[in-house]
């Protein structure tokens, strides 16, 4: 149970660091991301960014959990 607590703590700190970096450097726009603008409404759909983050998190979590 203590391992789950450490994993959640590390994940939280990592999200804070990534969030701070995104605030400093602006949003990352990849070629597969879609933005719709109509009047005062803007809808941003980060398809490519989501796929890349999913692949990276899958690799990292597989490496972490295969150590055991």
PDB file of N, CA and C in Angstrom:
ATOM      1  N   UNK A   1       0.827  -1.190   0.000  1.00  0.00           N
ATOM      2  CA  UNK A   1       0.000   0.000   0.000  1.00  0.00           C
ATOM      3  C   UNK A   1       0.868   1.249   0.000  1.00  0.00           C
ATOM      4  N   UNK A   2       2.029   1.192   0.600  1.00  0.00           N
ATOM      5  CA  UNK A   2       2.923   2.350   0.633  1.00  0.00           C
ATOM      6  C   UNK A   2       3.471   2.650  -0.754  1.00  0.00           C
ATOM      7  N   UNK A   3       3.641   1.589  -1.576  1.00  0.00           N
ATOM      8  CA  UNK A   3       4.112   1.803  -2.946  1.00  0.00           C
ATOM      9  C   UNK A   3       3.096   2.593  -3.769  1.00  0.00           C
ATOM     10  N   UNK A   4       1.815   2.319  -3.549  1.00  0.00           N
ATOM     11  CA  UNK A   4       0.778   3.048  -4.279  1.00  0.00           C
ATOM     12  C   UNK A   4       0.783   4.521  -3.875  1.00  0.00           C
ATOM     13  N   UNK A   5       1.028   4.784  -2.612  1.00  0.00           N
ATOM     14  CA  UNK A   5       1.096   6.166  -2.133  1.00  0.00           C
ATOM     15  C   UNK A   5       2.264   6.920  -2.757  1.00  0.00           C
ATOM     16  N   UNK A   6       3.416   6.256  -2.845  1.00  0.00           N
ATOM     17  CA  UNK A   6       4.585   6.887  -3.470  1.00  0.00           C
ATOM     18  C   UNK A   6       4.342   7.140  -4.946  1.00  0.00           C
ATOM     19  N   UNK A   7       3.711   6.176  -5.627  1.00  0.00           N
ATOM     20  CA  UNK A   7       3.417   6.336  -7.051  1.00  0.00           C
ATOM     21  C   UNK A   7       2.485   7.526  -7.283  1.00  0.00           C
ATOM     22  N   UNK A   8       1.464   7.662  -6.445  1.00  0.00           N
ATOM     23  CA  UNK A   8       0.553   8.802  -6.571  1.00  0.00           C
ATOM     24  C   UNK A   8       1.260  10.115  -6.287  1.00  0.00           C
ATOM     25  N   UNK A   9       2.149  10.121  -5.321  1.00  0.00           N
ATOM     26  CA  UNK A   9       2.901  11.329  -4.991  1.00  0.00           C
ATOM     27  C   UNK A   9       3.812  11.733  -6.151  1.00  0.00           C
ATOM     28  N   UNK A  10       4.514  10.783  -6.724  1.00  0.00           N
ATOM     29  CA  UNK A  10       5.396  11.069  -7.860  1.00  0.00           C
ATOM     30  C   UNK A  10       4.577  11.539  -9.063  1.00  0.00           C
ATOM     31  N   UNK A  11       3.443  10.902  -9.322  1.00  0.00           N
ATOM     32  CA  UNK A  11       2.591  11.311 -10.438  1.00  0.00           C
ATOM     33  C   UNK A  11       2.079  12.737 -10.239  1.00  0.00           C
ATOM     34  N   UNK A  12       1.718  13.079  -9.015  1.00  0.00           N
ATOM     35  CA  UNK A  12       1.242  14.430  -8.723  1.00  0.00           C
ATOM     36  C   UNK A  12       2.323  15.480  -8.922  1.00  0.00           C
ATOM     37  N   UNK A  13       3.520  15.188  -8.441  1.00  0.00           N
ATOM     38  CA  UNK A  13       4.633  16.126  -8.617  1.00  0.00           C
ATOM     39  C   UNK A  13       4.967  16.278 -10.095  1.00  0.00           C
ATOM     40  N   UNK A  14       4.937  15.178 -10.829  1.00  0.00           N
ATOM     41  CA  UNK A  14       5.206  15.227 -12.263  1.00  0.00           C
ATOM     42  C   UNK A  14       4.168  16.079 -12.995  1.00  0.00           C
ATOM     43  N   UNK A  15       2.896  15.948 -12.610  1.00  0.00           N
ATOM     44  CA  UNK A  15       1.857  16.767 -13.236  1.00  0.00           C
ATOM     45  C   UNK A  15       2.046  18.247 -12.917  1.00  0.00           C
ATOM     46  N   UNK A  16       2.481  18.567 -11.713  1.00  0.00           N
ATOM     47  CA  UNK A  16       2.735  19.962 -11.351  1.00  0.00           C
ATOM     48  C   UNK A  16       3.873  20.529 -12.189  1.00  0.00           C
ATOM     49  N   UNK A  17       4.936  19.747 -12.359  1.00  0.00           N
ATOM     50  CA  UNK A  17       6.078  20.207 -13.154  1.00  0.00           C
ATOM     51  C   UNK A  17       5.681  20.406 -14.611  1.00  0.00           C
ATOM     52  N   UNK A  18       4.968  19.443 -15.181  1.00  0.00           N
ATOM     53  CA  UNK A  18       4.544  19.556 -16.583  1.00  0.00           C
ATOM     54  C   UNK A  18       3.570  20.721 -16.749  1.00  0.00           C
ATOM     55  N   UNK A  19       2.646  20.883 -15.828  1.00  0.00           N
ATOM     56  CA  UNK A  19       1.703  21.998 -15.895  1.00  0.00           C
ATOM     57  C   UNK A  19       2.393  23.348 -15.816  1.00  0.00           C
ATOM     58  N   UNK A  20       3.385  23.458 -14.934  1.00  0.00           N
ATOM     59  CA  UNK A  20       4.148  24.703 -14.835  1.00  0.00           C
ATOM     60  C   UNK A  20       4.919  25.000 -16.107  1.00  0.00           C
ATOM     61  N   UNK A  21       5.509  23.960 -16.693  1.00  0.00           N
ATOM     62  CA  UNK A  21       6.247  24.145 -17.944  1.00  0.00           C
ATOM     63  C   UNK A  21       5.310  24.592 -19.069  1.00  0.00           C
ATOM     64  N   UNK A  22       4.132  24.009 -19.131  1.00  0.00           N
ATOM     65  CA  UNK A  22       3.173  24.412 -20.167  1.00  0.00           C
ATOM     66  C   UNK A  22       2.704  25.851 -19.963  1.00  0.00           C
ATOM     67  N   UNK A  23       2.562  26.268 -18.714  1.00  0.00           N
ATOM     68  CA  UNK A  23       2.167  27.652 -18.455  1.00  0.00           C
ATOM     69  C   UNK A  23       3.269  28.620 -18.865  1.00  0.00           C
ATOM     70  N   UNK A  24       4.526  28.229 -18.653  1.00  0.00           N
ATOM     71  CA  UNK A  24       5.641  29.105 -19.016  1.00  0.00           C
ATOM     72  C   UNK A  24       5.864  29.182 -20.522  1.00  0.00           C
ATOM     73  N   UNK A  25       5.774  28.055 -21.195  1.00  0.00           N
ATOM     74  CA  UNK A  25       6.109  28.000 -22.611  1.00  0.00           C
ATOM     75  C   UNK A  25       4.902  28.006 -23.527  1.00  0.00           C
ATOM     76  N   UNK A  26       3.729  28.116 -23.010  1.00  0.00           N
ATOM     77  CA  UNK A  26       2.529  28.128 -23.843  1.00  0.00           C
ATOM     78  C   UNK A  26       2.090  26.727 -24.194  1.00  0.00           C
ATOM     79  N   UNK A  27       0.955  26.639 -24.828  1.00  0.00           N
ATOM     80  CA  UNK A  27       0.415  25.349 -25.226  1.00  0.00           C
ATOM     81  C   UNK A  27       1.192  24.793 -26.404  1.00  0.00           C
ATOM     82  N   UNK A  28       1.384  23.500 -26.428  1.00  0.00           N
ATOM     83  CA  UNK A  28       2.100  22.848 -27.518  1.00  0.00           C
ATOM     84  C   UNK A  28       1.090  22.522 -28.619  1.00  0.00           C
ATOM     85  N   UNK A  29       1.324  23.034 -29.810  1.00  0.00           N
ATOM     86  CA  UNK A  29       0.439  22.761 -30.944  1.00  0.00           C
ATOM     87  C   UNK A  29       1.164  21.871 -31.938  1.00  0.00           C
ATOM     88  N   UNK A  30       0.706  20.643 -32.067  1.00  0.00           N
ATOM     89  CA  UNK A  30       1.271  19.715 -33.035  1.00  0.00           C
ATOM     90  C   UNK A  30       0.402  19.726 -34.290  1.00  0.00           C
ATOM     91  N   UNK A  31       0.930  19.237 -35.418  1.00  0.00           N
ATOM     92  CA  UNK A  31       0.158  19.260 -36.661  1.00  0.00           C
ATOM     93  C   UNK A  31      -1.180  18.516 -36.607  1.00  0.00           C
ATOM     94  N   UNK A  32      -1.335  17.517 -35.747  1.00  0.00           N
ATOM     95  CA  UNK A  32      -2.587  16.767 -35.661  1.00  0.00           C
ATOM     96  C   UNK A  32      -3.611  17.376 -34.720  1.00  0.00           C
ATOM     97  N   UNK A  33      -3.299  18.471 -34.063  1.00  0.00           N
ATOM     98  CA  UNK A  33      -4.230  19.125 -33.151  1.00  0.00           C
ATOM     99  C   UNK A  33      -5.194  20.008 -33.942  1.00  0.00           C
ATOM    100  N   UNK A  34      -6.443  20.012 -33.532  1.00  0.00           N
ATOM    101  CA  UNK A  34      -7.490  20.734 -34.258  1.00  0.00           C
ATOM    102  C   UNK A  34      -7.999  21.889 -33.416  1.00  0.00           C
ATOM    103  N   UNK A  35      -8.151  23.062 -34.042  1.00  0.00           N
ATOM    104  CA  UNK A  35      -8.696  24.234 -33.358  1.00  0.00           C
ATOM    105  C   UNK A  35      -9.854  24.788 -34.182  1.00  0.00           C
ATOM    106  N   UNK A  36     -11.012  24.943 -33.539  1.00  0.00           N
ATOM    107  CA  UNK A  36     -12.183  25.546 -34.168  1.00  0.00           C
ATOM    108  C   UNK A  36     -12.418  26.901 -33.533  1.00  0.00           C
ATOM    109  N   UNK A  37     -12.566  27.934 -34.356  1.00  0.00           N
ATOM    110  CA  UNK A  37     -12.874  29.276 -33.840  1.00  0.00           C
ATOM    111  C   UNK A  37     -14.141  29.782 -34.521  1.00  0.00           C
ATOM    112  N   UNK A  38     -15.078  30.253 -33.712  1.00  0.00           N
ATOM    113  CA  UNK A  38     -16.315  30.806 -34.248  1.00  0.00           C
ATOM    114  C   UNK A  38     -16.762  31.924 -33.306  1.00  0.00           C
ATOM    115  N   UNK A  39     -16.558  33.148 -33.718  1.00  0.00           N
ATOM    116  CA  UNK A  39     -16.927  34.285 -32.874  1.00  0.00           C
ATOM    117  C   UNK A  39     -16.095  34.312 -31.609  1.00  0.00           C
ATOM    118  N   UNK A  40     -16.769  34.251 -30.458  1.00  0.00           N
ATOM    119  CA  UNK A  40     -16.082  34.283 -29.171  1.00  0.00           C
ATOM    120  C   UNK A  40     -15.770  32.890 -28.623  1.00  0.00           C
ATOM    121  N   UNK A  41     -16.064  31.853 -29.396  1.00  0.00           N
ATOM    122  CA  UNK A  41     -15.892  30.483 -28.926  1.00  0.00           C
ATOM    123  C   UNK A  41     -14.697  29.842 -29.628  1.00  0.00           C
ATOM    124  N   UNK A  42     -13.806  29.237 -28.852  1.00  0.00           N
ATOM    125  CA  UNK A  42     -12.671  28.502 -29.396  1.00  0.00           C
ATOM    126  C   UNK A  42     -12.668  27.111 -28.784  1.00  0.00           C
ATOM    127  N   UNK A  43     -12.612  26.089 -29.641  1.00  0.00           N
ATOM    128  CA  UNK A  43     -12.560  24.699 -29.187  1.00  0.00           C
ATOM    129  C   UNK A  43     -11.248  24.112 -29.666  1.00  0.00           C
ATOM    130  N   UNK A  44     -10.453  23.599 -28.740  1.00  0.00           N
ATOM    131  CA  UNK A  44      -9.147  23.021 -29.040  1.00  0.00           C
ATOM    132  C   UNK A  44      -9.205  21.521 -28.776  1.00  0.00           C
ATOM    133  N   UNK A  45      -8.916  20.696 -29.798  1.00  0.00           N
ATOM    134  CA  UNK A  45      -8.952  19.246 -29.679  1.00  0.00           C
ATOM    135  C   UNK A  45      -7.534  18.715 -29.919  1.00  0.00           C
ATOM    136  N   UNK A  46      -6.807  18.376 -28.858  1.00  0.00           N
ATOM    137  CA  UNK A  46      -5.405  17.967 -28.994  1.00  0.00           C
ATOM    138  C   UNK A  46      -5.235  16.474 -29.299  1.00  0.00           C
ATOM    139  N   UNK A  47      -5.580  16.053 -30.511  1.00  0.00           N
ATOM    140  CA  UNK A  47      -5.531  14.635 -30.871  1.00  0.00           C
ATOM    141  C   UNK A  47      -4.091  14.117 -30.882  1.00  0.00           C
ATOM    142  N   UNK A  48      -3.196  14.785 -31.606  1.00  0.00           N
ATOM    143  CA  UNK A  48      -1.808  14.320 -31.712  1.00  0.00           C
ATOM    144  C   UNK A  48      -1.105  14.381 -30.355  1.00  0.00           C
ATOM    145  N   UNK A  49      -1.342  15.428 -29.604  1.00  0.00           N
ATOM    146  CA  UNK A  49      -0.726  15.559 -28.287  1.00  0.00           C
ATOM    147  C   UNK A  49      -1.184  14.427 -27.365  1.00  0.00           C
ATOM    148  N   UNK A  50      -2.467  14.080 -27.425  1.00  0.00           N
ATOM    149  CA  UNK A  50      -2.996  13.002 -26.593  1.00  0.00           C
ATOM    150  C   UNK A  50      -2.376  11.660 -26.951  1.00  0.00           C
ATOM    151  N   UNK A  51      -2.200  11.401 -28.238  1.00  0.00           N
ATOM    152  CA  UNK A  51      -1.603  10.135 -28.665  1.00  0.00           C
ATOM    153  C   UNK A  51      -0.156  10.037 -28.188  1.00  0.00           C
ATOM    154  N   UNK A  52       0.606  11.116 -28.342  1.00  0.00           N
ATOM    155  CA  UNK A  52       2.007  11.103 -27.926  1.00  0.00           C
ATOM    156  C   UNK A  52       2.115  10.925 -26.410  1.00  0.00           C
ATOM    157  N   UNK A  53       1.304  11.641 -25.639  1.00  0.00           N
ATOM    158  CA  UNK A  53       1.329  11.483 -24.180  1.00  0.00           C
ATOM    159  C   UNK A  53       0.920  10.080 -23.768  1.00  0.00           C
ATOM    160  N   UNK A  54      -0.036   9.479 -24.449  1.00  0.00           N
ATOM    161  CA  UNK A  54      -0.466   8.125 -24.147  1.00  0.00           C
ATOM    162  C   UNK A  54       0.664   7.126 -24.368  1.00  0.00           C
ATOM    163  N   UNK A  55       1.377   7.263 -25.477  1.00  0.00           N
ATOM    164  CA  UNK A  55       2.492   6.352 -25.767  1.00  0.00           C
ATOM    165  C   UNK A  55       3.594   6.517 -24.729  1.00  0.00           C
ATOM    166  N   UNK A  56       3.932   7.759 -24.396  1.00  0.00           N
ATOM    167  CA  UNK A  56       4.996   8.007 -23.416  1.00  0.00           C
ATOM    168  C   UNK A  56       4.609   7.445 -22.046  1.00  0.00           C
ATOM    169  N   UNK A  57       3.381   7.694 -21.598  1.00  0.00           N
ATOM    170  CA  UNK A  57       2.954   7.185 -20.294  1.00  0.00           C
ATOM    171  C   UNK A  57       2.878   5.660 -20.275  1.00  0.00           C
ATOM    172  N   UNK A  58       2.482   5.045 -21.383  1.00  0.00           N
ATOM    173  CA  UNK A  58       2.440   3.591 -21.466  1.00  0.00           C
ATOM    174  C   UNK A  58       3.834   3.002 -21.302  1.00  0.00           C
ATOM    175  N   UNK A  59       4.801   3.572 -21.980  1.00  0.00           N
ATOM    176  CA  UNK A  59       6.179   3.082 -21.876  1.00  0.00           C
ATOM    177  C   UNK A  59       6.713   3.272 -20.449  1.00  0.00           C
ATOM    178  N   UNK A  60       6.511   4.444 -19.880  1.00  0.00           N
ATOM    179  CA  UNK A  60       7.023   4.724 -18.534  1.00  0.00           C
ATOM    180  C   UNK A  60       6.382   3.800 -17.500  1.00  0.00           C
ATOM    181  N   UNK A  61       5.071   3.635 -17.560  1.00  0.00           N
ATOM    182  CA  UNK A  61       4.397   2.779 -16.574  1.00  0.00           C
ATOM    183  C   UNK A  61       4.777   1.315 -16.751  1.00  0.00           C
ATOM    184  N   UNK A  62       4.971   0.856 -17.993  1.00  0.00           N
ATOM    185  CA  UNK A  62       5.433  -0.523 -18.201  1.00  0.00           C
ATOM    186  C   UNK A  62       6.823  -0.733 -17.631  1.00  0.00           C
ATOM    187  N   UNK A  63       7.696   0.238 -17.781  1.00  0.00           N
ATOM    188  CA  UNK A  63       9.047   0.126 -17.225  1.00  0.00           C
ATOM    189  C   UNK A  63       8.975   0.099 -15.704  1.00  0.00           C
ATOM    190  N   UNK A  64       8.145   0.940 -15.101  1.00  0.00           N
ATOM    191  CA  UNK A  64       8.036   0.979 -13.647  1.00  0.00           C
ATOM    192  C   UNK A  64       7.462  -0.307 -13.062  1.00  0.00           C
ATOM    193  N   UNK A  65       6.426  -0.860 -13.697  1.00  0.00           N
ATOM    194  CA  UNK A  65       5.761  -2.015 -13.119  1.00  0.00           C
ATOM    195  C   UNK A  65       6.438  -3.327 -13.477  1.00  0.00           C
ATOM    196  N   UNK A  66       7.293  -3.375 -14.440  1.00  0.00           N
ATOM    197  CA  UNK A  66       8.006  -4.616 -14.779  1.00  0.00           C
ATOM    198  C   UNK A  66       9.229  -4.827 -13.912  1.00  0.00           C
ATOM    199  N   UNK A  67       9.611  -3.860 -13.124  1.00  0.00           N
ATOM    200  CA  UNK A  67      10.746  -4.025 -12.205  1.00  0.00           C
ATOM    201  C   UNK A  67      10.446  -5.042 -11.138  1.00  0.00           C
ATOM    202  N   UNK A  68       9.207  -5.193 -10.774  1.00  0.00           N
ATOM    203  CA  UNK A  68       8.817  -6.060  -9.657  1.00  0.00           C
ATOM    204  C   UNK A  68       8.845  -7.509 -10.033  1.00  0.00           C
TER     205      UNK A  68
END
